[in-house]
ModelCIF file with pLDDT and N, C-alpha, C, O atoms, coordinates in Angstrom:
data_MODEL
#
_entry.id   MODEL 
#
_entity.id                         1 
_entity.type                       polymer 
_entity.pdbx_number_of_molecules   1 
#
_entity_poly.entity_id                      1 
_entity_poly.type                           'polypeptide(L)' 
_entity_poly.nstd_linkage                   no 
_entity_poly.nstd_monomer                   no 
_entity_poly.pdbx_seq_one_letter_code       RPKPAAEWRELSLATVGTHDMPPITGFVHG 
_entity_poly.pdbx_seq_one_letter_code_can   RPKPAAEWRELSLATVGTHDMPPITGFVHG 
_entity_poly.pdbx_strand_id                 A 
#
loop_
_entity_poly_seq.entity_id 
_entity_poly_seq.num 
_entity_poly_seq.mon_id 
_entity_poly_seq.hetero 
1 1  ARG n 
1 2  PRO n 
1 3  LYS n 
1 4  PRO n 
1 5  ALA n 
1 6  ALA n 
1 7  GLU n 
1 8  TRP n 
1 9  ARG n 
1 10 GLU n 
1 11 LEU n 
1 12 SER n 
1 13 LEU n 
1 14 ALA n 
1 15 THR n 
1 16 VAL n 
1 17 GLY n 
1 18 THR n 
1 19 HIS n 
1 20 ASP n 
1 21 MET n 
1 22 PRO n 
1 23 PRO n 
1 24 ILE n 
1 25 THR n 
1 26 GLY n 
1 27 PHE n 
1 28 VAL n 
1 29 HIS n 
1 30 GLY n 
#
_struct_asym.id          A 
_struct_asym.entity_id   1 
#
loop_
_ma_qa_metric.id 
_ma_qa_metric.mode 
_ma_qa_metric.name 
_ma_qa_metric.software_group_id 
_ma_qa_metric.type 
1 global pLDDT . pLDDT 
2 local  pLDDT . pLDDT 
#
_ma_qa_metric_global.metric_id      1 
_ma_qa_metric_global.metric_value   95.87 
_ma_qa_metric_global.model_id       1 
_ma_qa_metric_global.ordinal_id     1 
#
loop_
_ma_qa_metric_local.label_asym_id 
_ma_qa_metric_local.label_comp_id 
_ma_qa_metric_local.label_seq_id 
_ma_qa_metric_local.metric_id 
_ma_qa_metric_local.metric_value 
_ma_qa_metric_local.model_id 
_ma_qa_metric_local.ordinal_id 
A ARG 1  2 95.00 1 1  
A PRO 2  2 97.00 1 2  
A LYS 3  2 96.00 1 3  
A PRO 4  2 96.00 1 4  
A ALA 5  2 97.00 1 5  
A ALA 6  2 96.00 1 6  
A GLU 7  2 96.00 1 7  
A TRP 8  2 97.00 1 8  
A ARG 9  2 96.00 1 9  
A GLU 10 2 98.00 1 10 
A LEU 11 2 98.00 1 11 
A SER 12 2 98.00 1 12 
A LEU 13 2 98.00 1 13 
A ALA 14 2 98.00 1 14 
A THR 15 2 98.00 1 15 
A VAL 16 2 97.00 1 16 
A GLY 17 2 94.00 1 17 
A THR 18 2 93.00 1 18 
A HIS 19 2 92.00 1 19 
A ASP 20 2 89.00 1 20 
A MET 21 2 91.00 1 21 
A PRO 22 2 94.00 1 22 
A PRO 23 2 97.00 1 23 
A ILE 24 2 97.00 1 24 
A THR 25 2 97.00 1 25 
A GLY 26 2 96.00 1 26 
A PHE 27 2 96.00 1 27 
A VAL 28 2 97.00 1 28 
A HIS 29 2 97.00 1 29 
A GLY 30 2 95.00 1 30 
#
loop_
_atom_site.group_PDB 
_atom_site.id 
_atom_site.type_symbol 
_atom_site.label_atom_id 
_atom_site.label_alt_id 
_atom_site.label_comp_id 
_atom_site.label_asym_id 
_atom_site.label_entity_id 
_atom_site.label_seq_id 
_atom_site.pdbx_PDB_ins_code 
_atom_site.Cartn_x 
_atom_site.Cartn_y 
_atom_site.Cartn_z 
_atom_site.occupancy 
_atom_site.B_iso_or_equiv 
_atom_site.pdbx_formal_charge 
_atom_site.auth_seq_id 
_atom_site.auth_comp_id 
_atom_site.auth_asym_id 
_atom_site.auth_atom_id 
_atom_site.pdbx_PDB_model_num 
ATOM 1   N N  . ARG A 1 1  ? 52.044 -44.763 -73.986 1.00 95.00 ? 1  ARG A N  1 
ATOM 2   C CA . ARG A 1 1  ? 52.373 -45.479 -75.212 1.00 95.00 ? 1  ARG A CA 1 
ATOM 3   C C  . ARG A 1 1  ? 53.654 -44.930 -75.823 1.00 95.00 ? 1  ARG A C  1 
ATOM 4   O O  . ARG A 1 1  ? 54.001 -43.775 -75.576 1.00 95.00 ? 1  ARG A O  1 
ATOM 5   N N  . PRO A 1 2  ? 54.374 -45.741 -76.625 1.00 97.00 ? 2  PRO A N  1 
ATOM 6   C CA . PRO A 1 2  ? 55.579 -45.244 -77.287 1.00 97.00 ? 2  PRO A CA 1 
ATOM 7   C C  . PRO A 1 2  ? 55.284 -43.981 -78.092 1.00 97.00 ? 2  PRO A C  1 
ATOM 8   O O  . PRO A 1 2  ? 54.281 -43.906 -78.803 1.00 97.00 ? 2  PRO A O  1 
ATOM 9   N N  . LYS A 1 3  ? 56.152 -43.007 -77.974 1.00 96.00 ? 3  LYS A N  1 
ATOM 10  C CA . LYS A 1 3  ? 55.935 -41.736 -78.654 1.00 96.00 ? 3  LYS A CA 1 
ATOM 11  C C  . LYS A 1 3  ? 56.365 -41.852 -80.112 1.00 96.00 ? 3  LYS A C  1 
ATOM 12  O O  . LYS A 1 3  ? 57.495 -42.260 -80.380 1.00 96.00 ? 3  LYS A O  1 
ATOM 13  N N  . PRO A 1 4  ? 55.499 -41.506 -81.058 1.00 96.00 ? 4  PRO A N  1 
ATOM 14  C CA . PRO A 1 4  ? 55.875 -41.562 -82.476 1.00 96.00 ? 4  PRO A CA 1 
ATOM 15  C C  . PRO A 1 4  ? 57.097 -40.702 -82.755 1.00 96.00 ? 4  PRO A C  1 
ATOM 16  O O  . PRO A 1 4  ? 57.333 -39.702 -82.078 1.00 96.00 ? 4  PRO A O  1 
ATOM 17  N N  . ALA A 1 5  ? 57.870 -41.100 -83.757 1.00 97.00 ? 5  ALA A N  1 
ATOM 18  C CA . ALA A 1 5  ? 59.135 -40.424 -84.046 1.00 97.00 ? 5  ALA A CA 1 
ATOM 19  C C  . ALA A 1 5  ? 58.953 -38.933 -84.289 1.00 97.00 ? 5  ALA A C  1 
ATOM 20  O O  . ALA A 1 5  ? 59.775 -38.133 -83.843 1.00 97.00 ? 5  ALA A O  1 
ATOM 21  N N  . ALA A 1 6  ? 57.898 -38.548 -84.985 1.00 96.00 ? 6  ALA A N  1 
ATOM 22  C CA . ALA A 1 6  ? 57.695 -37.143 -85.336 1.00 96.00 ? 6  ALA A CA 1 
ATOM 23  C C  . ALA A 1 6  ? 57.463 -36.264 -84.117 1.00 96.00 ? 6  ALA A C  1 
ATOM 24  O O  . ALA A 1 6  ? 57.627 -35.047 -84.201 1.00 96.00 ? 6  ALA A O  1 
ATOM 25  N N  . GLU A 1 7  ? 57.083 -36.856 -82.976 1.00 96.00 ? 7  GLU A N  1 
ATOM 26  C CA . GLU A 1 7  ? 56.769 -36.075 -81.776 1.00 96.00 ? 7  GLU A CA 1 
ATOM 27  C C  . GLU A 1 7  ? 57.968 -35.908 -80.842 1.00 96.00 ? 7  GLU A C  1 
ATOM 28  O O  . GLU A 1 7  ? 57.843 -35.287 -79.787 1.00 96.00 ? 7  GLU A O  1 
ATOM 29  N N  . TRP A 1 8  ? 59.116 -36.448 -81.211 1.00 97.00 ? 8  TRP A N  1 
ATOM 30  C CA . TRP A 1 8  ? 60.304 -36.295 -80.369 1.00 97.00 ? 8  TRP A CA 1 
ATOM 31  C C  . TRP A 1 8  ? 60.848 -34.877 -80.480 1.00 97.00 ? 8  TRP A C  1 
ATOM 32  O O  . TRP A 1 8  ? 60.554 -34.149 -81.428 1.00 97.00 ? 8  TRP A O  1 
ATOM 33  N N  . ARG A 1 9  ? 61.648 -34.504 -79.484 1.00 96.00 ? 9  ARG A N  1 
ATOM 34  C CA . ARG A 1 9  ? 62.264 -33.178 -79.487 1.00 96.00 ? 9  ARG A CA 1 
ATOM 35  C C  . ARG A 1 9  ? 63.320 -33.065 -80.576 1.00 96.00 ? 9  ARG A C  1 
ATOM 36  O O  . ARG A 1 9  ? 64.037 -34.020 -80.874 1.00 96.00 ? 9  ARG A O  1 
ATOM 37  N N  . GLU A 1 10 ? 63.398 -31.880 -81.160 1.00 98.00 ? 10 GLU A N  1 
ATOM 38  C CA . GLU A 1 10 ? 64.485 -31.625 -82.106 1.00 98.00 ? 10 GLU A CA 1 
ATOM 39  C C  . GLU A 1 10 ? 65.789 -31.344 -81.365 1.00 98.00 ? 10 GLU A C  1 
ATOM 40  O O  . GLU A 1 10 ? 66.839 -31.878 -81.723 1.00 98.00 ? 10 GLU A O  1 
ATOM 41  N N  . LEU A 1 11 ? 65.721 -30.511 -80.341 1.00 98.00 ? 11 LEU A N  1 
ATOM 42  C CA . LEU A 1 11 ? 66.936 -30.161 -79.601 1.00 98.00 ? 11 LEU A CA 1 
ATOM 43  C C  . LEU A 1 11 ? 67.225 -31.237 -78.563 1.00 98.00 ? 11 LEU A C  1 
ATOM 44  O O  . LEU A 1 11 ? 66.973 -31.060 -77.371 1.00 98.00 ? 11 LEU A O  1 
ATOM 45  N N  . SER A 1 12 ? 67.754 -32.344 -79.037 1.00 98.00 ? 12 SER A N  1 
ATOM 46  C CA . SER A 1 12 ? 68.074 -33.432 -78.123 1.00 98.00 ? 12 SER A CA 1 
ATOM 47  C C  . SER A 1 12 ? 69.126 -34.337 -78.733 1.00 98.00 ? 12 SER A C  1 
ATOM 48  O O  . SER A 1 12 ? 69.354 -34.344 -79.942 1.00 98.00 ? 12 SER A O  1 
ATOM 49  N N  . LEU A 1 13 ? 69.752 -35.094 -77.861 1.00 98.00 ? 13 LEU A N  1 
ATOM 50  C CA . LEU A 1 13 ? 70.550 -36.259 -78.236 1.00 98.00 ? 13 LEU A CA 1 
ATOM 51  C C  . LEU A 1 13 ? 69.641 -37.459 -78.050 1.00 98.00 ? 13 LEU A C  1 
ATOM 52  O O  . LEU A 1 13 ? 69.231 -37.759 -76.929 1.00 98.00 ? 13 LEU A O  1 
ATOM 53  N N  . ALA A 1 14 ? 69.322 -38.147 -79.132 1.00 98.00 ? 14 ALA A N  1 
ATOM 54  C CA . ALA A 1 14 ? 68.423 -39.294 -79.077 1.00 98.00 ? 14 ALA A CA 1 
ATOM 55  C C  . ALA A 1 14 ? 69.240 -40.586 -79.075 1.00 98.00 ? 14 ALA A C  1 
ATOM 56  O O  . ALA A 1 14 ? 70.101 -40.791 -79.930 1.00 98.00 ? 14 ALA A O  1 
ATOM 57  N N  . THR A 1 15 ? 68.960 -41.441 -78.112 1.00 98.00 ? 15 THR A N  1 
ATOM 58  C CA . THR A 1 15 ? 69.617 -42.742 -78.020 1.00 98.00 ? 15 THR A CA 1 
ATOM 59  C C  . THR A 1 15 ? 68.572 -43.789 -77.664 1.00 98.00 ? 15 THR A C  1 
ATOM 60  O O  . THR A 1 15 ? 67.453 -43.467 -77.262 1.00 98.00 ? 15 THR A O  1 
ATOM 61  N N  . VAL A 1 16 ? 68.964 -45.052 -77.823 1.00 97.00 ? 16 VAL A N  1 
ATOM 62  C CA . VAL A 1 16 ? 68.063 -46.124 -77.404 1.00 97.00 ? 16 VAL A CA 1 
ATOM 63  C C  . VAL A 1 16 ? 68.186 -46.352 -75.907 1.00 97.00 ? 16 VAL A C  1 
ATOM 64  O O  . VAL A 1 16 ? 67.178 -46.412 -75.202 1.00 97.00 ? 16 VAL A O  1 
ATOM 65  N N  . GLY A 1 17 ? 69.404 -46.478 -75.421 1.00 94.00 ? 17 GLY A N  1 
ATOM 66  C CA . GLY A 1 17 ? 69.619 -46.785 -74.007 1.00 94.00 ? 17 GLY A CA 1 
ATOM 67  C C  . GLY A 1 17 ? 70.668 -45.893 -73.383 1.00 94.00 ? 17 GLY A C  1 
ATOM 68  O O  . GLY A 1 17 ? 71.008 -44.839 -73.921 1.00 94.00 ? 17 GLY A O  1 
ATOM 69  N N  . THR A 1 18 ? 71.173 -46.323 -72.251 1.00 93.00 ? 18 THR A N  1 
ATOM 70  C CA . THR A 1 18 ? 72.191 -45.596 -71.507 1.00 93.00 ? 18 THR A CA 1 
ATOM 71  C C  . THR A 1 18 ? 73.113 -46.596 -70.836 1.00 93.00 ? 18 THR A C  1 
ATOM 72  O O  . THR A 1 18 ? 72.817 -47.790 -70.791 1.00 93.00 ? 18 THR A O  1 
ATOM 73  N N  . HIS A 1 19 ? 74.241 -46.106 -70.309 1.00 92.00 ? 19 HIS A N  1 
ATOM 74  C CA . HIS A 1 19 ? 75.217 -47.003 -69.693 1.00 92.00 ? 19 HIS A CA 1 
ATOM 75  C C  . HIS A 1 19 ? 74.704 -47.643 -68.407 1.00 92.00 ? 19 HIS A C  1 
ATOM 76  O O  . HIS A 1 19 ? 75.300 -48.601 -67.915 1.00 92.00 ? 19 HIS A O  1 
ATOM 77  N N  . ASP A 1 20 ? 73.611 -47.128 -67.859 1.00 89.00 ? 20 ASP A N  1 
ATOM 78  C CA . ASP A 1 20 ? 73.041 -47.708 -66.647 1.00 89.00 ? 20 ASP A CA 1 
ATOM 79  C C  . ASP A 1 20 ? 72.001 -48.792 -66.962 1.00 89.00 ? 20 ASP A C  1 
ATOM 80  O O  . ASP A 1 20 ? 71.339 -49.307 -66.061 1.00 89.00 ? 20 ASP A O  1 
ATOM 81  N N  . MET A 1 21 ? 71.868 -49.126 -68.228 1.00 91.00 ? 21 MET A N  1 
ATOM 82  C CA . MET A 1 21 ? 70.944 -50.169 -68.660 1.00 91.00 ? 21 MET A CA 1 
ATOM 83  C C  . MET A 1 21 ? 71.700 -51.125 -69.576 1.00 91.00 ? 21 MET A C  1 
ATOM 84  O O  . MET A 1 21 ? 72.754 -50.763 -70.099 1.00 91.00 ? 21 MET A O  1 
ATOM 85  N N  . PRO A 1 22 ? 71.189 -52.328 -69.779 1.00 94.00 ? 22 PRO A N  1 
ATOM 86  C CA . PRO A 1 22 ? 71.868 -53.226 -70.714 1.00 94.00 ? 22 PRO A CA 1 
ATOM 87  C C  . PRO A 1 22 ? 71.794 -52.679 -72.136 1.00 94.00 ? 22 PRO A C  1 
ATOM 88  O O  . PRO A 1 22 ? 70.893 -51.901 -72.449 1.00 94.00 ? 22 PRO A O  1 
ATOM 89  N N  . PRO A 1 23 ? 72.723 -53.072 -72.994 1.00 97.00 ? 23 PRO A N  1 
ATOM 90  C CA . PRO A 1 23 ? 72.556 -52.765 -74.414 1.00 97.00 ? 23 PRO A CA 1 
ATOM 91  C C  . PRO A 1 23 ? 71.240 -53.345 -74.929 1.00 97.00 ? 23 PRO A C  1 
ATOM 92  O O  . PRO A 1 23 ? 70.561 -54.085 -74.217 1.00 97.00 ? 23 PRO A O  1 
ATOM 93  N N  . ILE A 1 24 ? 70.890 -53.009 -76.153 1.00 97.00 ? 24 ILE A N  1 
ATOM 94  C CA . ILE A 1 24 ? 69.574 -53.365 -76.684 1.00 97.00 ? 24 ILE A CA 1 
ATOM 95  C C  . ILE A 1 24 ? 69.267 -54.844 -76.534 1.00 97.00 ? 24 ILE A C  1 
ATOM 96  O O  . ILE A 1 24 ? 68.200 -55.208 -76.042 1.00 97.00 ? 24 ILE A O  1 
ATOM 97  N N  . THR A 1 25 ? 70.193 -55.704 -76.954 1.00 97.00 ? 25 THR A N  1 
ATOM 98  C CA . THR A 1 25 ? 69.917 -57.140 -76.927 1.00 97.00 ? 25 THR A CA 1 
ATOM 99  C C  . THR A 1 25 ? 69.683 -57.635 -75.507 1.00 97.00 ? 25 THR A C  1 
ATOM 100 O O  . THR A 1 25 ? 68.782 -58.439 -75.268 1.00 97.00 ? 25 THR A O  1 
ATOM 101 N N  . GLY A 1 26 ? 70.486 -57.161 -74.571 1.00 96.00 ? 26 GLY A N  1 
ATOM 102 C CA . GLY A 1 26 ? 70.281 -57.559 -73.182 1.00 96.00 ? 26 GLY A CA 1 
ATOM 103 C C  . GLY A 1 26 ? 68.966 -57.041 -72.629 1.00 96.00 ? 26 GLY A C  1 
ATOM 104 O O  . GLY A 1 26 ? 68.293 -57.719 -71.853 1.00 96.00 ? 26 GLY A O  1 
ATOM 105 N N  . PHE A 1 27 ? 68.607 -55.824 -73.040 1.00 96.00 ? 27 PHE A N  1 
ATOM 106 C CA . PHE A 1 27 ? 67.371 -55.234 -72.532 1.00 96.00 ? 27 PHE A CA 1 
ATOM 107 C C  . PHE A 1 27 ? 66.140 -55.990 -73.022 1.00 96.00 ? 27 PHE A C  1 
ATOM 108 O O  . PHE A 1 27 ? 65.246 -56.297 -72.234 1.00 96.00 ? 27 PHE A O  1 
ATOM 109 N N  . VAL A 1 28 ? 66.090 -56.293 -74.322 1.00 97.00 ? 28 VAL A N  1 
ATOM 110 C CA . VAL A 1 28 ? 64.881 -56.944 -74.838 1.00 97.00 ? 28 VAL A CA 1 
ATOM 111 C C  . VAL A 1 28 ? 64.712 -58.342 -74.251 1.00 97.00 ? 28 VAL A C  1 
ATOM 112 O O  . VAL A 1 28 ? 63.591 -58.845 -74.165 1.00 97.00 ? 28 VAL A O  1 
ATOM 113 N N  . HIS A 1 29 ? 65.807 -58.971 -73.849 1.00 97.00 ? 29 HIS A N  1 
ATOM 114 C CA . HIS A 1 29 ? 65.716 -60.287 -73.219 1.00 97.00 ? 29 HIS A CA 1 
ATOM 115 C C  . HIS A 1 29 ? 65.487 -60.190 -71.708 1.00 97.00 ? 29 HIS A C  1 
ATOM 116 O O  . HIS A 1 29 ? 65.419 -61.215 -71.029 1.00 97.00 ? 29 HIS A O  1 
ATOM 117 N N  . GLY A 1 30 ? 65.367 -58.966 -71.175 1.00 95.00 ? 30 GLY A N  1 
ATOM 118 C CA . GLY A 1 30 ? 65.068 -58.802 -69.758 1.00 95.00 ? 30 GLY A CA 1 
ATOM 119 C C  . GLY A 1 30 ? 66.233 -59.086 -68.835 1.00 95.00 ? 30 GLY A C  1 
ATOM 120 O O  . GLY A 1 30 ? 66.095 -58.979 -67.616 1.00 95.00 ? 30 GLY A O  1 
#
């Protein structure tokens, strides 16, 4: 299941996606 925000790592760079995936809009549309 999606991990709640409070359980994410502190020592990290948090992003939604990466250059090897579509941007958000492209991703949600499959």
